[in-house]
Amino acid sequence: MLRAMRTLLAVGILSTSVPFLMSADDKDELTDNPVYAAWSNHKPGASATVAEKTTYGDGKDQAPDEKVITYTLVSVSDEKVVVRAVVVEQELLGTVESAPTKHTYPAKLKKSYLAVAAPDLEAKSGKETIKWKGKELECKTLHGSYKKDGEAVEYKAWMNETIPGGVVKRTRTTKQKDETVKTTIALLSFKPGK
């Protein structure tokens, strides 16, 4: 069921984004891809494992969706990085491990693509030191909010370039009418590549 919901969500995002992406001018200016940047200074084999928890409403009527995702850098070049992801989801009677997926992130993107795919990048930035596994970890923060298609979104991310993929923690709360969806991503572990 969760897989079907994710598929429907992905199809919805794609169908919503395609008109914007197709309308981009071929002469659209290129810009750095932030996902490429978060992986490109690491060596193949570097990995980061995160816990993702999504709650719906006040969390009393529906159990949260919980996943553990391990991202591993497969290859890096001047043009792109390739990252493998393995998702383990919690079910009522156990867990389900999905087959690995391969994500390719180009070094450069059209600005119009980035604006549609990642409105969070229009964030306020700052710096914070947070505790992670008993250690002080200095992070760059991105935080803000926006409204789109009747939804109000608030988000904050704590990033550190020594972590493969950069994410230490991320929160996102989406409100639409009377429904609230909150997703928290937290770094569990990481290792450098060889």
Protein backbone atom coordinates (compact mmCIF):
# COMPACT_ATOMS: atom_id res chain seq x y z
CA MET A 1 0.00 0.00 0.00
CA LEU A 2 2.80 2.42 0.89
CA ARG A 3 4.51 1.66 -2.40
CA ALA A 4 1.27 2.45 -4.28
CA MET A 5 0.91 5.73 -2.38
CA ARG A 6 4.52 6.69 -3.20
CA THR A 7 3.96 5.83 -6.86
CA LEU A 8 0.82 7.97 -6.99
CA LEU A 9 2.65 10.83 -5.28
CA ALA A 10 5.55 10.60 -7.74
CA VAL A 11 3.17 10.52 -10.72
CA GLY A 12 1.32 13.54 -9.31
CA ILE A 13 4.52 15.53 -8.82
CA LEU A 14 5.74 14.59 -12.29
CA SER A 15 2.47 15.47 -13.99
CA THR A 16 2.36 18.79 -12.15
CA SER A 17 5.99 19.61 -12.97
CA VAL A 18 6.11 18.55 -16.63
CA PRO A 19 4.28 21.63 -17.99
CA PHE A 20 6.73 23.90 -16.16
CA LEU A 21 9.74 21.90 -17.24
CA MET A 22 8.57 21.71 -20.86
CA SER A 23 8.02 25.48 -20.95
CA ALA A 24 11.65 26.14 -20.05
CA ASP A 25 13.49 27.93 -22.81
CA ASP A 26 16.37 25.99 -24.38
CA LYS A 27 18.50 29.06 -23.67
CA ASP A 28 17.60 28.87 -19.98
CA GLU A 29 20.68 29.65 -17.89
CA LEU A 30 22.41 26.72 -16.20
CA THR A 31 23.13 26.69 -12.48
CA ASP A 32 24.88 24.39 -10.02
CA ASN A 33 22.88 21.38 -8.86
CA PRO A 34 22.91 21.42 -5.03
CA VAL A 35 22.52 17.62 -4.82
CA TYR A 36 25.55 17.13 -7.07
CA ALA A 37 27.49 19.56 -4.87
CA ALA A 38 26.54 17.63 -1.70
CA TRP A 39 28.03 14.40 -3.10
CA SER A 40 30.80 15.47 -5.49
CA ASN A 41 33.44 16.15 -2.82
CA HIS A 42 33.17 12.54 -1.54
CA LYS A 43 34.74 9.33 -2.84
CA PRO A 44 32.79 6.37 -4.24
CA GLY A 45 31.59 4.11 -1.45
CA ALA A 46 30.76 7.05 0.84
CA SER A 47 27.35 6.53 2.41
CA ALA A 48 24.80 8.12 4.70
CA THR A 49 21.90 6.40 6.43
CA VAL A 50 18.90 8.47 7.51
CA ALA A 51 15.65 7.79 9.34
CA GLU A 52 12.55 9.36 7.78
CA LYS A 53 9.33 9.66 9.77
CA THR A 54 6.10 11.10 8.36
CA THR A 55 3.08 11.77 10.56
CA TYR A 56 -0.40 12.70 9.38
CA GLY A 57 -2.64 15.03 11.36
CA ASP A 58 -2.04 14.77 15.09
CA GLY A 59 -0.74 11.21 14.68
CA LYS A 60 -3.52 9.64 16.76
CA ASP A 61 -5.63 8.20 13.92
CA GLN A 62 -2.86 6.85 11.69
CA ALA A 63 0.49 5.27 12.45
CA PRO A 64 3.44 7.22 11.06
CA ASP A 65 5.30 6.07 7.97
CA GLU A 66 8.82 5.16 9.04
CA LYS A 67 11.74 4.39 6.73
CA VAL A 68 15.47 3.92 6.97
CA ILE A 69 17.23 4.96 3.77
CA THR A 70 20.87 4.26 2.96
CA TYR A 71 22.44 6.37 0.22
CA THR A 72 25.76 5.22 -1.27
CA LEU A 73 27.88 7.13 -3.77
CA VAL A 74 28.51 4.86 -6.76
CA SER A 75 30.50 7.21 -8.99
CA VAL A 76 31.50 10.83 -9.33
CA SER A 77 32.72 12.81 -12.34
CA ASP A 78 32.81 16.44 -13.46
CA GLU A 79 29.45 15.92 -15.22
CA LYS A 80 27.42 13.89 -12.70
CA VAL A 81 27.24 11.80 -9.55
CA VAL A 82 25.44 8.47 -9.28
CA VAL A 83 23.93 7.53 -5.92
CA ARG A 84 22.29 4.22 -4.96
CA ALA A 85 19.43 4.27 -2.43
CA VAL A 86 18.01 1.36 -0.47
CA VAL A 87 14.79 1.95 1.48
CA VAL A 88 13.65 -0.21 4.40
CA GLU A 89 10.05 0.55 5.42
CA GLN A 90 8.29 -0.40 8.62
CA GLU A 91 5.12 -2.46 8.19
CA LEU A 92 2.69 -3.77 10.78
CA LEU A 93 4.37 -7.16 11.12
CA GLY A 94 7.93 -6.36 10.08
CA THR A 95 9.92 -4.46 7.48
CA VAL A 96 10.18 -4.39 3.69
CA GLU A 97 13.45 -3.66 1.91
CA SER A 98 12.99 -2.21 -1.56
CA ALA A 99 15.34 -3.04 -4.41
CA PRO A 100 18.16 -0.51 -4.77
CA THR A 101 17.41 2.50 -6.96
CA LYS A 102 20.00 4.50 -8.85
CA HIS A 103 19.82 8.30 -8.87
CA THR A 104 21.90 10.33 -11.32
CA TYR A 105 22.44 14.01 -10.50
CA PRO A 106 24.01 16.22 -13.19
CA ALA A 107 26.47 18.91 -12.13
CA LYS A 108 24.41 21.63 -13.83
CA LEU A 109 20.65 22.16 -14.19
CA LYS A 110 18.50 24.71 -15.92
CA LYS A 111 17.47 27.38 -13.41
CA SER A 112 13.80 26.87 -14.29
CA TYR A 113 14.04 23.14 -13.45
CA LEU A 114 15.56 23.90 -10.06
CA ALA A 115 12.90 26.49 -9.25
CA VAL A 116 10.13 23.93 -9.84
CA ALA A 117 11.88 20.96 -8.22
CA ALA A 118 13.26 22.69 -5.12
CA PRO A 119 11.37 25.80 -4.02
CA ASP A 120 13.02 25.27 -0.60
CA LEU A 121 16.24 26.70 -2.03
CA GLU A 122 14.78 30.20 -1.75
CA ALA A 123 15.48 29.89 1.96
CA LYS A 124 17.06 32.03 4.61
CA SER A 125 20.43 30.67 5.60
CA GLY A 126 22.31 30.63 8.84
CA LYS A 127 24.59 28.54 11.00
CA GLU A 128 23.85 26.38 14.02
CA THR A 129 25.80 23.90 16.06
CA ILE A 130 23.73 20.85 16.94
CA LYS A 131 24.42 17.71 18.95
CA TRP A 132 24.69 14.53 16.92
CA LYS A 133 25.58 11.31 18.76
CA GLY A 134 27.05 13.32 21.63
CA LYS A 135 29.28 15.45 19.37
CA GLU A 136 28.98 19.07 18.39
CA LEU A 137 28.37 19.36 14.66
CA GLU A 138 28.46 22.77 12.96
CA CYS A 139 25.76 23.02 10.31
CA LYS A 140 24.63 25.43 7.66
CA THR A 141 20.89 25.95 8.01
CA LEU A 142 18.25 26.68 5.42
CA HIS A 143 14.79 27.60 6.64
CA GLY A 144 11.66 29.29 5.42
CA SER A 145 8.13 28.85 4.21
CA TYR A 146 6.09 29.22 1.06
CA LYS A 147 2.56 28.74 -0.23
CA LYS A 148 1.70 26.86 -3.38
CA ASP A 149 -1.54 25.37 -4.71
CA GLY A 150 -3.39 25.87 -1.42
CA GLU A 151 -0.62 24.37 0.68
CA ALA A 152 1.45 26.15 3.30
CA VAL A 153 4.91 24.65 3.72
CA GLU A 154 7.42 25.35 6.50
CA TYR A 155 10.85 23.75 6.39
CA LYS A 156 14.28 23.72 7.96
CA ALA A 157 17.43 21.81 7.03
CA TRP A 158 20.72 21.35 8.86
CA MET A 159 23.53 20.60 6.38
CA ASN A 160 27.21 19.71 6.79
CA GLU A 161 29.54 19.16 3.82
CA THR A 162 31.57 16.47 5.61
CA ILE A 163 28.46 14.23 5.55
CA PRO A 164 27.90 12.38 2.23
CA GLY A 165 24.81 14.01 0.74
CA GLY A 166 25.07 16.83 3.29
CA VAL A 167 21.88 16.17 5.30
CA VAL A 168 22.15 16.03 9.10
CA LYS A 169 18.50 16.81 9.80
CA ARG A 170 15.52 18.14 7.87
CA THR A 171 11.96 18.98 8.88
CA ARG A 172 9.04 19.84 6.64
CA THR A 173 5.45 20.61 7.66
CA THR A 174 2.76 20.88 5.00
CA LYS A 175 -0.70 22.20 5.84
CA GLN A 176 -3.65 22.04 3.48
CA LYS A 177 -7.06 22.94 4.87
CA ASP A 178 -7.42 20.79 8.00
CA GLU A 179 -4.68 18.30 7.14
CA THR A 180 -1.11 18.52 8.41
CA VAL A 181 1.73 16.29 7.23
CA LYS A 182 5.07 16.48 9.05
CA THR A 183 8.23 14.75 7.82
CA THR A 184 11.46 14.58 9.78
CA ILE A 185 14.69 13.20 8.37
CA ALA A 186 17.58 12.55 10.75
CA LEU A 187 21.08 11.25 10.07
CA LEU A 188 21.71 7.86 11.71
CA SER A 189 25.22 7.13 10.43
CA PHE A 190 27.71 7.86 7.66
CA LYS A 191 31.02 6.64 6.36
CA PRO A 192 33.62 8.06 3.99
CA GLY A 193 34.38 6.41 0.67
CA LYS A 194 37.53 4.51 -0.20
